[in-house]
Amino acid sequence: MKDLLKMAGIMCCLVCLSLTSCTGQFKVLNKGIGGNNSNDLLRRLNADVLQEKPDLVIMMVGSNDMVNSKKLIDYQLFKDNYQQLIDQVKSTGAKIVLMSPPPVDTGYIYKRHDRKAYKEPLNYKLDSLNKLVKEIARTNHIHFVDLYSLFKSKGSPNREISSLILNQNNFGKEDGIHPTKQGYQLIAETVYSYLKKNRLLKKGNKLICFGDSITYGAYMSGEGTASGDTYPAFLSRLINN
């Protein structure tokens, strides 16, 4: 009888653990830092991603590599950096989703940066980056979400209030690079649909959003976190609700 009661107790514990695992929330971490390019992501990869032991990493970088005159690097170095990031994350067993950054308002960018620093039009560079990231994803057999084409298909950026990129009319700031609240929500909804379609969501798993100021959620409530109006925050609510 004692053995039967002991066995019943063990089975009860196993069932409870199983139920906890099945109903556990999906943890989303925001590991975006403003001004980062792919060199910066490599430097902090271990502390901000690998040591967290994530199950899934969503990575978006490239805006600063291509647009920020103080952070510019060429396509080959970007590709080499990206491959190192992928290799190190893949070595942990985590799944990876790559995203390309949205297009920018060139006129606003040229007001803050010397246009002589650029050998190509800014959105030509970002379009080329988009194609490069897509090819890197294909070569490495990992997932890719094309945000560049998505925002372009929505007519953003533009100078209207409806633009999904911050401008003077919708935010009182000649920004031209960071999404609006609606833009961040669109990113989250797009990512969420992709993750569901490709069966990348498992309850209780840990997801890290890794990148620059767009991941950080610049100018939004909750910036730097997975709360408020950042894309990691919208994504967390979609996954867990």
C-alpha atoms as a PDB file:
ATOM      1  CA  MET A   1       0.000   0.000   0.000  1.00  0.00           C
ATOM      2  CA  LYS A   2       2.824   2.383   0.889  1.00  0.00           C
ATOM      3  CA  ASP A   3       4.481   1.664  -2.454  1.00  0.00           C
ATOM      4  CA  LEU A   4       1.210   2.369  -4.286  1.00  0.00           C
ATOM      5  CA  LEU A   5       0.749   5.667  -2.429  1.00  0.00           C
ATOM      6  CA  LYS A   6       4.335   6.616  -3.168  1.00  0.00           C
ATOM      7  CA  MET A   7       3.860   5.825  -6.850  1.00  0.00           C
ATOM      8  CA  ALA A   8       0.617   7.822  -6.915  1.00  0.00           C
ATOM      9  CA  GLY A   9       2.413  10.781  -5.373  1.00  0.00           C
ATOM     10  CA  ILE A  10       5.152  10.621  -7.994  1.00  0.00           C
ATOM     11  CA  MET A  11       2.608  10.455 -10.814  1.00  0.00           C
ATOM     12  CA  CYS A  12       0.759  13.440  -9.356  1.00  0.00           C
ATOM     13  CA  CYS A  13       3.970  15.470  -9.286  1.00  0.00           C
ATOM     14  CA  LEU A  14       4.748  14.556 -12.898  1.00  0.00           C
ATOM     15  CA  VAL A  15       1.270  15.606 -13.997  1.00  0.00           C
ATOM     16  CA  CYS A  16       1.611  18.922 -12.182  1.00  0.00           C
ATOM     17  CA  LEU A  17       4.989  19.576 -13.781  1.00  0.00           C
ATOM     18  CA  SER A  18       3.569  18.729 -17.195  1.00  0.00           C
ATOM     19  CA  LEU A  19       0.632  21.100 -16.723  1.00  0.00           C
ATOM     20  CA  THR A  20       2.954  23.870 -15.541  1.00  0.00           C
ATOM     21  CA  SER A  21       5.091  23.413 -18.644  1.00  0.00           C
ATOM     22  CA  CYS A  22       2.087  23.441 -20.951  1.00  0.00           C
ATOM     23  CA  THR A  23       0.537  26.563 -19.454  1.00  0.00           C
ATOM     24  CA  GLY A  24       3.780  28.467 -18.781  1.00  0.00           C
ATOM     25  CA  GLN A  25       4.090  31.818 -20.476  1.00  0.00           C
ATOM     26  CA  PHE A  26       6.448  32.469 -23.356  1.00  0.00           C
ATOM     27  CA  LYS A  27       9.177  34.770 -21.996  1.00  0.00           C
ATOM     28  CA  VAL A  28      10.171  37.605 -24.336  1.00  0.00           C
ATOM     29  CA  LEU A  29      13.340  39.651 -23.676  1.00  0.00           C
ATOM     30  CA  ASN A  30      14.209  42.943 -25.377  1.00  0.00           C
ATOM     31  CA  LYS A  31      17.941  43.057 -26.112  1.00  0.00           C
ATOM     32  CA  GLY A  32      17.973  46.043 -28.443  1.00  0.00           C
ATOM     33  CA  ILE A  33      20.431  48.913 -27.959  1.00  0.00           C
ATOM     34  CA  GLY A  34      20.286  52.206 -29.846  1.00  0.00           C
ATOM     35  CA  GLY A  35      23.129  53.009 -32.250  1.00  0.00           C
ATOM     36  CA  ASN A  36      24.308  49.414 -32.526  1.00  0.00           C
ATOM     37  CA  ASN A  37      25.607  47.961 -35.756  1.00  0.00           C
ATOM     38  CA  SER A  38      26.641  44.359 -36.403  1.00  0.00           C
ATOM     39  CA  ASN A  39      30.073  44.963 -34.799  1.00  0.00           C
ATOM     40  CA  ASP A  40      28.335  45.982 -31.581  1.00  0.00           C
ATOM     41  CA  LEU A  41      26.020  42.965 -31.632  1.00  0.00           C
ATOM     42  CA  LEU A  42      29.015  40.671 -31.905  1.00  0.00           C
ATOM     43  CA  ARG A  43      30.663  42.305 -28.899  1.00  0.00           C
ATOM     44  CA  ARG A  44      27.658  41.792 -26.638  1.00  0.00           C
ATOM     45  CA  LEU A  45      26.321  38.543 -28.083  1.00  0.00           C
ATOM     46  CA  ASN A  46      27.618  36.366 -25.266  1.00  0.00           C
ATOM     47  CA  ALA A  47      26.336  38.509 -22.387  1.00  0.00           C
ATOM     48  CA  ASP A  48      23.006  39.488 -23.902  1.00  0.00           C
ATOM     49  CA  VAL A  49      22.050  36.341 -25.808  1.00  0.00           C
ATOM     50  CA  LEU A  50      24.153  33.221 -25.302  1.00  0.00           C
ATOM     51  CA  GLN A  51      24.219  33.376 -21.503  1.00  0.00           C
ATOM     52  CA  GLU A  52      20.429  33.747 -21.467  1.00  0.00           C
ATOM     53  CA  LYS A  53      20.084  30.330 -23.145  1.00  0.00           C
ATOM     54  CA  PRO A  54      17.154  31.313 -25.402  1.00  0.00           C
ATOM     55  CA  ASP A  55      15.060  28.878 -27.398  1.00  0.00           C
ATOM     56  CA  LEU A  56      14.469  31.397 -30.180  1.00  0.00           C
ATOM     57  CA  VAL A  57      16.352  34.521 -31.291  1.00  0.00           C
ATOM     58  CA  ILE A  58      14.832  37.183 -33.554  1.00  0.00           C
ATOM     59  CA  MET A  59      17.648  39.310 -34.918  1.00  0.00           C
ATOM     60  CA  MET A  60      17.413  42.604 -36.799  1.00  0.00           C
ATOM     61  CA  VAL A  61      20.460  44.756 -37.515  1.00  0.00           C
ATOM     62  CA  GLY A  62      21.690  46.806 -40.438  1.00  0.00           C
ATOM     63  CA  SER A  63      20.198  50.296 -40.200  1.00  0.00           C
ATOM     64  CA  ASN A  64      23.298  51.697 -38.530  1.00  0.00           C
ATOM     65  CA  ASP A  65      25.648  49.634 -40.706  1.00  0.00           C
ATOM     66  CA  MET A  66      24.147  51.236 -43.825  1.00  0.00           C
ATOM     67  CA  VAL A  67      22.742  54.619 -42.701  1.00  0.00           C
ATOM     68  CA  ASN A  68      24.538  55.897 -39.578  1.00  0.00           C
ATOM     69  CA  SER A  69      27.589  57.824 -40.880  1.00  0.00           C
ATOM     70  CA  LYS A  70      29.486  57.023 -37.653  1.00  0.00           C
ATOM     71  CA  LYS A  71      28.843  53.284 -37.906  1.00  0.00           C
ATOM     72  CA  LEU A  72      29.094  52.532 -41.635  1.00  0.00           C
ATOM     73  CA  ILE A  73      30.616  49.242 -42.750  1.00  0.00           C
ATOM     74  CA  ASP A  74      30.742  47.606 -46.178  1.00  0.00           C
ATOM     75  CA  TYR A  75      28.546  44.723 -47.325  1.00  0.00           C
ATOM     76  CA  GLN A  76      31.274  42.104 -46.977  1.00  0.00           C
ATOM     77  CA  LEU A  77      32.073  42.950 -43.359  1.00  0.00           C
ATOM     78  CA  PHE A  78      28.361  43.025 -42.582  1.00  0.00           C
ATOM     79  CA  LYS A  79      27.977  39.578 -44.137  1.00  0.00           C
ATOM     80  CA  ASP A  80      30.971  38.238 -42.187  1.00  0.00           C
ATOM     81  CA  ASN A  81      29.632  39.680 -38.921  1.00  0.00           C
ATOM     82  CA  TYR A  82      26.174  38.270 -39.553  1.00  0.00           C
ATOM     83  CA  GLN A  83      27.588  34.822 -40.245  1.00  0.00           C
ATOM     84  CA  GLN A  84      29.508  34.883 -36.971  1.00  0.00           C
ATOM     85  CA  LEU A  85      26.360  35.893 -35.090  1.00  0.00           C
ATOM     86  CA  ILE A  86      24.380  33.080 -36.716  1.00  0.00           C
ATOM     87  CA  ASP A  87      27.064  30.458 -36.120  1.00  0.00           C
ATOM     88  CA  GLN A  88      27.366  31.275 -32.430  1.00  0.00           C
ATOM     89  CA  VAL A  89      23.608  31.330 -31.836  1.00  0.00           C
ATOM     90  CA  LYS A  90      23.073  28.104 -33.800  1.00  0.00           C
ATOM     91  CA  SER A  91      25.776  26.371 -31.733  1.00  0.00           C
ATOM     92  CA  THR A  92      23.498  26.697 -28.678  1.00  0.00           C
ATOM     93  CA  GLY A  93      20.630  24.917 -30.419  1.00  0.00           C
ATOM     94  CA  ALA A  94      18.433  28.023 -30.497  1.00  0.00           C
ATOM     95  CA  LYS A  95      16.315  28.682 -33.566  1.00  0.00           C
ATOM     96  CA  ILE A  96      16.890  31.956 -35.430  1.00  0.00           C
ATOM     97  CA  VAL A  97      14.641  34.364 -37.318  1.00  0.00           C
ATOM     98  CA  LEU A  98      16.363  37.152 -39.266  1.00  0.00           C
ATOM     99  CA  MET A  99      14.610  40.408 -40.139  1.00  0.00           C
ATOM    100  CA  SER A 100      15.613  43.206 -42.495  1.00  0.00           C
ATOM    101  CA  PRO A 101      15.208  46.812 -41.269  1.00  0.00           C
ATOM    102  CA  PRO A 102      12.580  49.117 -42.821  1.00  0.00           C
ATOM    103  CA  PRO A 103      13.350  51.835 -45.388  1.00  0.00           C
ATOM    104  CA  VAL A 104      14.194  55.353 -44.222  1.00  0.00           C
ATOM    105  CA  ASP A 105      13.305  58.957 -45.062  1.00  0.00           C
ATOM    106  CA  THR A 106      16.475  59.982 -46.872  1.00  0.00           C
ATOM    107  CA  GLY A 107      15.815  63.734 -46.554  1.00  0.00           C
ATOM    108  CA  TYR A 108      15.639  63.559 -42.767  1.00  0.00           C
ATOM    109  CA  ILE A 109      18.778  61.419 -42.550  1.00  0.00           C
ATOM    110  CA  TYR A 110      20.776  63.865 -44.676  1.00  0.00           C
ATOM    111  CA  LYS A 111      19.894  66.658 -42.240  1.00  0.00           C
ATOM    112  CA  ARG A 112      21.760  64.788 -39.487  1.00  0.00           C
ATOM    113  CA  HIS A 113      24.513  63.099 -41.469  1.00  0.00           C
ATOM    114  CA  ASP A 114      26.927  64.269 -44.172  1.00  0.00           C
ATOM    115  CA  ARG A 115      25.627  62.893 -47.472  1.00  0.00           C
ATOM    116  CA  LYS A 116      29.212  62.772 -48.747  1.00  0.00           C
ATOM    117  CA  ALA A 117      29.717  59.792 -46.435  1.00  0.00           C
ATOM    118  CA  TYR A 118      27.470  57.673 -48.644  1.00  0.00           C
ATOM    119  CA  LYS A 119      28.488  56.175 -51.967  1.00  0.00           C
ATOM    120  CA  GLU A 120      24.957  54.958 -52.737  1.00  0.00           C
ATOM    121  CA  PRO A 121      21.419  56.243 -52.075  1.00  0.00           C
ATOM    122  CA  LEU A 122      20.338  55.195 -48.570  1.00  0.00           C
ATOM    123  CA  ASN A 123      17.317  53.116 -49.541  1.00  0.00           C
ATOM    124  CA  TYR A 124      19.301  51.502 -52.331  1.00  0.00           C
ATOM    125  CA  LYS A 125      21.733  50.400 -49.626  1.00  0.00           C
ATOM    126  CA  LEU A 126      18.924  49.119 -47.399  1.00  0.00           C
ATOM    127  CA  ASP A 127      17.311  47.312 -50.336  1.00  0.00           C
ATOM    128  CA  SER A 128      20.662  45.670 -51.074  1.00  0.00           C
ATOM    129  CA  LEU A 129      20.964  44.776 -47.392  1.00  0.00           C
ATOM    130  CA  ASN A 130      17.483  43.257 -47.468  1.00  0.00           C
ATOM    131  CA  LYS A 131      18.482  40.998 -50.362  1.00  0.00           C
ATOM    132  CA  LEU A 132      21.747  40.115 -48.636  1.00  0.00           C
ATOM    133  CA  VAL A 133      20.057  39.131 -45.359  1.00  0.00           C
ATOM    134  CA  LYS A 134      17.512  37.071 -47.293  1.00  0.00           C
ATOM    135  CA  GLU A 135      20.347  35.243 -49.034  1.00  0.00           C
ATOM    136  CA  ILE A 136      22.207  34.710 -45.744  1.00  0.00           C
ATOM    137  CA  ALA A 137      19.039  33.180 -44.273  1.00  0.00           C
ATOM    138  CA  ARG A 138      18.578  30.916 -47.297  1.00  0.00           C
ATOM    139  CA  THR A 139      22.212  29.754 -47.222  1.00  0.00           C
ATOM    140  CA  ASN A 140      21.995  28.966 -43.500  1.00  0.00           C
ATOM    141  CA  HIS A 141      18.542  27.342 -43.752  1.00  0.00           C
ATOM    142  CA  ILE A 142      17.053  29.709 -41.204  1.00  0.00           C
ATOM    143  CA  HIS A 143      13.963  31.909 -41.118  1.00  0.00           C
ATOM    144  CA  PHE A 144      13.622  35.381 -42.656  1.00  0.00           C
ATOM    145  CA  VAL A 145      11.028  38.159 -42.366  1.00  0.00           C
ATOM    146  CA  ASP A 146      11.203  40.930 -44.981  1.00  0.00           C
ATOM    147  CA  LEU A 147      10.316  44.132 -43.120  1.00  0.00           C
ATOM    148  CA  TYR A 148      11.875  46.337 -45.792  1.00  0.00           C
ATOM    149  CA  SER A 149       9.357  45.243 -48.416  1.00  0.00           C
ATOM    150  CA  LEU A 150       6.519  45.226 -45.876  1.00  0.00           C
ATOM    151  CA  PHE A 151       6.958  48.887 -44.911  1.00  0.00           C
ATOM    152  CA  LYS A 152       7.545  49.857 -48.522  1.00  0.00           C
ATOM    153  CA  SER A 153       4.281  48.159 -49.508  1.00  0.00           C
ATOM    154  CA  LYS A 154       2.499  50.315 -46.913  1.00  0.00           C
ATOM    155  CA  GLY A 155       3.914  53.485 -48.490  1.00  0.00           C
ATOM    156  CA  SER A 156       6.216  54.177 -45.558  1.00  0.00           C
ATOM    157  CA  PRO A 157       8.135  56.246 -44.879  1.00  0.00           C
ATOM    158  CA  ASN A 158       6.329  59.362 -46.048  1.00  0.00           C
ATOM    159  CA  ARG A 159       5.631  62.791 -44.571  1.00  0.00           C
ATOM    160  CA  GLU A 160       1.960  62.116 -43.759  1.00  0.00           C
ATOM    161  CA  ILE A 161       0.442  61.544 -40.310  1.00  0.00           C
ATOM    162  CA  SER A 162      -0.366  58.001 -41.429  1.00  0.00           C
ATOM    163  CA  SER A 163       3.274  57.078 -42.028  1.00  0.00           C
ATOM    164  CA  LEU A 164       4.516  54.053 -40.091  1.00  0.00           C
ATOM    165  CA  ILE A 165       7.863  55.804 -39.648  1.00  0.00           C
ATOM    166  CA  LEU A 166       8.231  58.795 -37.298  1.00  0.00           C
ATOM    167  CA  ASN A 167       8.071  62.208 -38.963  1.00  0.00           C
ATOM    168  CA  GLN A 168       7.310  65.832 -38.161  1.00  0.00           C
ATOM    169  CA  ASN A 169       3.562  65.444 -38.710  1.00  0.00           C
ATOM    170  CA  ASN A 170       2.924  62.280 -36.694  1.00  0.00           C
ATOM    171  CA  PHE A 171       5.462  62.766 -33.903  1.00  0.00           C
ATOM    172  CA  GLY A 172       6.807  66.318 -34.079  1.00  0.00           C
ATOM    173  CA  LYS A 173      10.260  65.004 -34.926  1.00  0.00           C
ATOM    174  CA  GLU A 174      12.164  64.792 -38.201  1.00  0.00           C
ATOM    175  CA  ASP A 175      13.244  61.227 -37.485  1.00  0.00           C
ATOM    176  CA  GLY A 176      12.667  59.152 -40.611  1.00  0.00           C
ATOM    177  CA  ILE A 177      14.053  55.843 -39.332  1.00  0.00           C
ATOM    178  CA  HIS A 178      12.165  54.574 -36.258  1.00  0.00           C
ATOM    179  CA  PRO A 179       8.654  53.102 -36.491  1.00  0.00           C
ATOM    180  CA  THR A 180       5.595  54.699 -34.958  1.00  0.00           C
ATOM    181  CA  LYS A 181       3.535  52.809 -32.391  1.00  0.00           C
ATOM    182  CA  GLN A 182       1.495  51.427 -35.298  1.00  0.00           C
ATOM    183  CA  GLY A 183       4.714  50.488 -37.070  1.00  0.00           C
ATOM    184  CA  TYR A 184       5.984  48.546 -34.074  1.00  0.00           C
ATOM    185  CA  GLN A 185       2.619  46.834 -33.783  1.00  0.00           C
ATOM    186  CA  LEU A 186       2.803  45.851 -37.463  1.00  0.00           C
ATOM    187  CA  ILE A 187       6.242  44.325 -36.917  1.00  0.00           C
ATOM    188  CA  ALA A 188       4.956  42.314 -33.961  1.00  0.00           C
ATOM    189  CA  GLU A 189       1.854  41.097 -35.801  1.00  0.00           C
ATOM    190  CA  THR A 190       3.934  40.087 -38.817  1.00  0.00           C
ATOM    191  CA  VAL A 191       6.448  38.221 -36.670  1.00  0.00           C
ATOM    192  CA  TYR A 192       3.714  36.551 -34.641  1.00  0.00           C
ATOM    193  CA  SER A 193       1.961  35.298 -37.781  1.00  0.00           C
ATOM    194  CA  TYR A 194       5.263  34.000 -39.119  1.00  0.00           C
ATOM    195  CA  LEU A 195       6.126  32.207 -35.873  1.00  0.00           C
ATOM    196  CA  LYS A 196       2.683  30.567 -35.728  1.00  0.00           C
ATOM    197  CA  LYS A 197       2.757  29.536 -39.375  1.00  0.00           C
ATOM    198  CA  ASN A 198       6.178  27.938 -38.965  1.00  0.00           C
ATOM    199  CA  ARG A 199       5.346  26.334 -35.595  1.00  0.00           C
ATOM    200  CA  LEU A 200       8.118  28.138 -33.748  1.00  0.00           C
ATOM    201  CA  LEU A 201       6.086  28.871 -30.625  1.00  0.00           C
ATOM    202  CA  LYS A 202       6.193  26.520 -27.650  1.00  0.00           C
ATOM    203  CA  LYS A 203       4.780  27.449 -24.255  1.00  0.00           C
ATOM    204  CA  GLY A 204       7.385  28.147 -21.625  1.00  0.00           C
ATOM    205  CA  ASN A 205      10.148  28.911 -24.117  1.00  0.00           C
ATOM    206  CA  LYS A 206      12.387  31.979 -23.998  1.00  0.00           C
ATOM    207  CA  LEU A 207      12.551  34.374 -26.950  1.00  0.00           C
ATOM    208  CA  ILE A 208      15.162  37.107 -27.355  1.00  0.00           C
ATOM    209  CA  CYS A 209      14.637  40.093 -29.648  1.00  0.00           C
ATOM    210  CA  PHE A 210      18.204  41.150 -30.516  1.00  0.00           C
ATOM    211  CA  GLY A 211      19.132  44.292 -32.411  1.00  0.00           C
ATOM    212  CA  ASP A 212      19.483  48.067 -32.475  1.00  0.00           C
ATOM    213  CA  SER A 213      17.201  51.002 -31.631  1.00  0.00           C
ATOM    214  CA  ILE A 214      14.273  49.593 -33.614  1.00  0.00           C
ATOM    215  CA  THR A 215      14.251  46.495 -31.420  1.00  0.00           C
ATOM    216  CA  TYR A 216      14.878  48.740 -28.397  1.00  0.00           C
ATOM    217  CA  GLY A 217      11.719  50.664 -29.282  1.00  0.00           C
ATOM    218  CA  ALA A 218      13.142  54.170 -29.503  1.00  0.00           C
ATOM    219  CA  TYR A 219      10.730  56.952 -28.454  1.00  0.00           C
ATOM    220  CA  MET A 220       8.039  54.497 -27.354  1.00  0.00           C
ATOM    221  CA  SER A 221       6.734  53.827 -23.855  1.00  0.00           C
ATOM    222  CA  GLY A 222       8.603  50.875 -22.380  1.00  0.00           C
ATOM    223  CA  GLU A 223      11.635  51.418 -24.619  1.00  0.00           C
ATOM    224  CA  GLY A 224      14.313  48.836 -23.938  1.00  0.00           C
ATOM    225  CA  THR A 225      11.781  46.389 -22.451  1.00  0.00           C
ATOM    226  CA  ALA A 226       9.094  43.928 -23.487  1.00  0.00           C
ATOM    227  CA  SER A 227       6.361  46.157 -22.098  1.00  0.00           C
ATOM    228  CA  GLY A 228       4.644  49.269 -23.415  1.00  0.00           C
ATOM    229  CA  ASP A 229       4.658  49.935 -27.165  1.00  0.00           C
ATOM    230  CA  THR A 230       7.904  48.327 -28.342  1.00  0.00           C
ATOM    231  CA  TYR A 231       7.672  45.523 -30.890  1.00  0.00           C
ATOM    232  CA  PRO A 232       8.885  42.940 -28.306  1.00  0.00           C
ATOM    233  CA  ALA A 233       6.069  44.169 -26.023  1.00  0.00           C
ATOM    234  CA  PHE A 234       3.384  43.803 -28.687  1.00  0.00           C
ATOM    235  CA  LEU A 235       4.825  40.399 -29.599  1.00  0.00           C
ATOM    236  CA  SER A 236       4.834  39.220 -25.975  1.00  0.00           C
ATOM    237  CA  ARG A 237       1.174  40.141 -25.573  1.00  0.00           C
ATOM    238  CA  LEU A 238       0.190  38.423 -28.823  1.00  0.00           C
ATOM    239  CA  ILE A 239       2.008  35.224 -27.861  1.00  0.00           C
ATOM    240  CA  ASN A 240       0.845  35.037 -24.271  1.00  0.00           C
ATOM    241  CA  ASN A 241      -2.757  36.133 -24.771  1.00  0.00           C
END
